[in-house]
Amino acid sequence: MAAHAHDHHEHEGDALTHAAQTTLEKAGEQWTTMRASVFEALAGFDKPASAYDIADAVSKREGRRVAANTVYRILDLFVGSNLARRVESANAYVANAHPDCLHDCIFLVCDACGQTTHLDDDRITKGVRSAASAAGFSPVRPVIEVRGTCADCVAA
């Protein structure tokens, strides 16, 4: 099953940070030192991270306290600019591995270990958008989360 109608490159490491910076600057925003620190901390987590997790990581790296409110503001900007995705049910965030490509997300969230897998399946999200439109609703950002157990936890 094809997840999307086109191929896109999923960035990692420095390439991900560079893609995020380029995307943010194209949106007319500045890539500040604090925004870079927040993005690098977010991208360093292997599971969705809360603003408090990110604030702690940035605080340790910077050697000074960074408030969660500051991180929340930056995360809001990142979500709005497609650099990060919010896992609603966990009130946590993940770095978008392809910030230069806009898709609605589907998250598979493991209730056992917390691992979250991000899928792009435009057929499903197009159906959600169509159903919302047919009901007279103007969808901005569909959020689809499937809670369950990942393959690793099922096998354990």
Protein backbone atom coordinates (compact mmCIF):
# COMPACT_ATOMS: atom_id res chain seq x y z
CA MET A 1 0.00 0.00 0.00
CA ALA A 2 1.53 3.32 -1.05
CA ALA A 3 1.48 5.80 1.78
CA HIS A 4 1.49 8.85 -0.47
CA ALA A 5 1.35 9.86 -4.11
CA HIS A 6 4.93 11.10 -4.27
CA ASP A 7 8.32 10.34 -2.82
CA HIS A 8 9.96 12.60 -0.30
CA HIS A 9 13.25 12.38 1.48
CA GLU A 10 13.18 11.89 5.23
CA HIS A 11 16.01 13.93 6.67
CA GLU A 12 18.16 12.96 9.67
CA GLY A 13 20.75 14.68 11.83
CA ASP A 14 22.31 17.84 10.39
CA ALA A 15 20.31 17.45 7.16
CA LEU A 16 17.07 17.52 9.18
CA THR A 17 18.16 20.64 11.06
CA HIS A 18 19.14 22.31 7.77
CA ALA A 19 15.79 21.35 6.15
CA ALA A 20 13.93 22.73 9.19
CA GLN A 21 15.90 25.98 9.09
CA THR A 22 15.31 26.39 5.35
CA THR A 23 11.58 25.70 5.72
CA LEU A 24 11.21 28.17 8.60
CA GLU A 25 13.13 30.90 6.78
CA LYS A 26 11.05 30.37 3.61
CA ALA A 27 8.00 31.00 5.81
CA GLY A 28 9.50 34.39 6.70
CA GLU A 29 10.61 33.44 10.22
CA GLN A 30 14.07 33.70 11.75
CA TRP A 31 16.11 30.66 12.78
CA THR A 32 17.32 31.92 16.15
CA THR A 33 19.77 30.23 18.48
CA MET A 34 16.92 29.30 20.86
CA ARG A 35 14.77 27.91 18.04
CA ALA A 36 17.74 25.87 16.82
CA SER A 37 18.32 24.53 20.35
CA VAL A 38 14.66 23.57 20.77
CA PHE A 39 14.57 21.87 17.37
CA GLU A 40 17.79 19.93 17.99
CA ALA A 41 16.51 18.78 21.39
CA LEU A 42 13.16 17.73 19.88
CA ALA A 43 14.87 15.86 17.05
CA GLY A 44 17.08 14.08 19.58
CA PHE A 45 14.19 12.27 21.25
CA ASP A 46 13.24 8.81 19.94
CA LYS A 47 9.68 9.17 21.26
CA PRO A 48 7.27 12.10 21.41
CA ALA A 49 8.57 14.70 23.86
CA SER A 50 6.64 17.14 26.03
CA ALA A 51 7.56 20.81 26.22
CA TYR A 52 8.91 20.07 29.71
CA ASP A 53 11.15 17.27 28.37
CA ILE A 54 12.47 19.62 25.71
CA ALA A 55 12.93 22.51 28.17
CA ASP A 56 14.95 20.18 30.44
CA ALA A 57 17.14 19.03 27.55
CA VAL A 58 17.77 22.58 26.34
CA SER A 59 18.42 23.78 29.91
CA LYS A 60 21.05 21.08 30.43
CA ARG A 61 22.69 21.83 27.09
CA GLU A 62 22.68 25.62 27.63
CA GLY A 63 23.62 25.49 31.30
CA ARG A 64 20.72 27.76 32.22
CA ARG A 65 17.04 27.31 32.92
CA VAL A 66 14.76 27.52 29.88
CA ALA A 67 11.07 27.91 30.71
CA ALA A 68 8.53 25.47 29.30
CA ASN A 69 6.42 28.48 28.20
CA THR A 70 9.25 29.57 25.90
CA VAL A 71 9.43 26.07 24.47
CA TYR A 72 5.63 25.93 23.98
CA ARG A 73 5.71 29.16 21.94
CA ILE A 74 8.48 27.79 19.75
CA LEU A 75 6.71 24.44 19.35
CA ASP A 76 3.53 26.24 18.28
CA LEU A 77 5.59 28.03 15.61
CA PHE A 78 7.18 24.72 14.58
CA VAL A 79 3.81 22.97 14.25
CA GLY A 80 2.43 25.90 12.24
CA SER A 81 5.48 25.82 9.98
CA ASN A 82 5.44 22.01 9.50
CA LEU A 83 8.70 21.45 11.40
CA ALA A 84 7.03 19.45 14.15
CA ARG A 85 3.87 17.46 14.71
CA ARG A 86 1.82 17.35 17.89
CA VAL A 87 0.69 13.99 19.21
CA GLU A 88 -2.55 15.28 20.71
CA SER A 89 -3.35 12.40 23.05
CA ALA A 90 0.10 12.58 24.64
CA ASN A 91 0.44 16.40 24.61
CA ALA A 92 3.85 15.75 23.09
CA TYR A 93 5.73 16.57 19.91
CA VAL A 94 7.86 14.89 17.27
CA ALA A 95 10.17 16.48 14.72
CA ASN A 96 8.81 16.23 11.18
CA ALA A 97 11.41 14.29 9.18
CA HIS A 98 10.27 15.94 5.96
CA PRO A 99 9.38 19.55 6.81
CA ASP A 100 9.48 20.56 3.16
CA CYS A 101 6.50 18.30 2.38
CA LEU A 102 3.00 18.99 3.69
CA HIS A 103 0.82 16.03 4.71
CA ASP A 104 -1.84 15.39 7.30
CA CYS A 105 -0.45 12.91 9.80
CA ILE A 106 -1.61 9.61 11.13
CA PHE A 107 0.07 8.51 14.37
CA LEU A 108 0.21 4.94 15.65
CA VAL A 109 0.75 5.26 19.41
CA CYS A 110 1.81 2.22 21.45
CA ASP A 111 0.11 2.20 24.85
CA ALA A 112 2.75 -0.21 26.20
CA CYS A 113 6.05 1.53 25.35
CA GLY A 114 5.01 4.95 24.08
CA GLN A 115 6.65 4.52 20.70
CA THR A 116 4.86 6.61 18.08
CA THR A 117 5.01 5.88 14.37
CA HIS A 118 4.11 8.61 11.91
CA LEU A 119 2.39 7.62 8.67
CA ASP A 120 1.46 9.66 5.61
CA ASP A 121 -1.53 8.22 3.82
CA ASP A 122 -3.16 10.94 1.78
CA ARG A 123 -6.04 8.66 0.76
CA ILE A 124 -7.20 8.31 4.37
CA THR A 125 -6.71 11.95 5.33
CA LYS A 126 -8.39 13.09 2.10
CA GLY A 127 -11.39 10.98 3.11
CA VAL A 128 -11.44 12.62 6.55
CA ARG A 129 -11.24 16.08 4.98
CA SER A 130 -14.03 15.18 2.50
CA ALA A 131 -16.29 13.88 5.28
CA ALA A 132 -15.70 17.04 7.31
CA SER A 133 -16.43 19.24 4.30
CA ALA A 134 -19.61 17.27 3.51
CA ALA A 135 -20.78 17.99 7.07
CA GLY A 136 -20.27 21.71 6.46
CA PHE A 137 -17.04 21.85 8.44
CA SER A 138 -13.87 23.49 7.13
CA PRO A 139 -10.97 21.27 8.28
CA VAL A 140 -7.67 22.97 9.01
CA ARG A 141 -5.52 20.13 10.31
CA PRO A 142 -6.95 16.66 10.74
CA VAL A 143 -5.37 14.71 13.58
CA ILE A 144 -5.65 10.95 13.39
CA GLU A 145 -4.21 8.84 16.18
CA VAL A 146 -4.54 5.10 16.52
CA ARG A 147 -3.80 3.78 20.01
CA GLY A 148 -2.78 0.17 20.44
CA THR A 149 0.28 -2.04 20.76
CA CYS A 150 3.32 -1.92 18.48
CA ALA A 151 4.79 -5.05 16.89
CA ASP A 152 7.75 -5.10 19.32
CA CYS A 153 5.46 -5.08 22.37
CA VAL A 154 3.11 -7.68 20.88
CA ALA A 155 6.10 -9.97 20.28
CA ALA A 156 7.49 -9.44 23.80
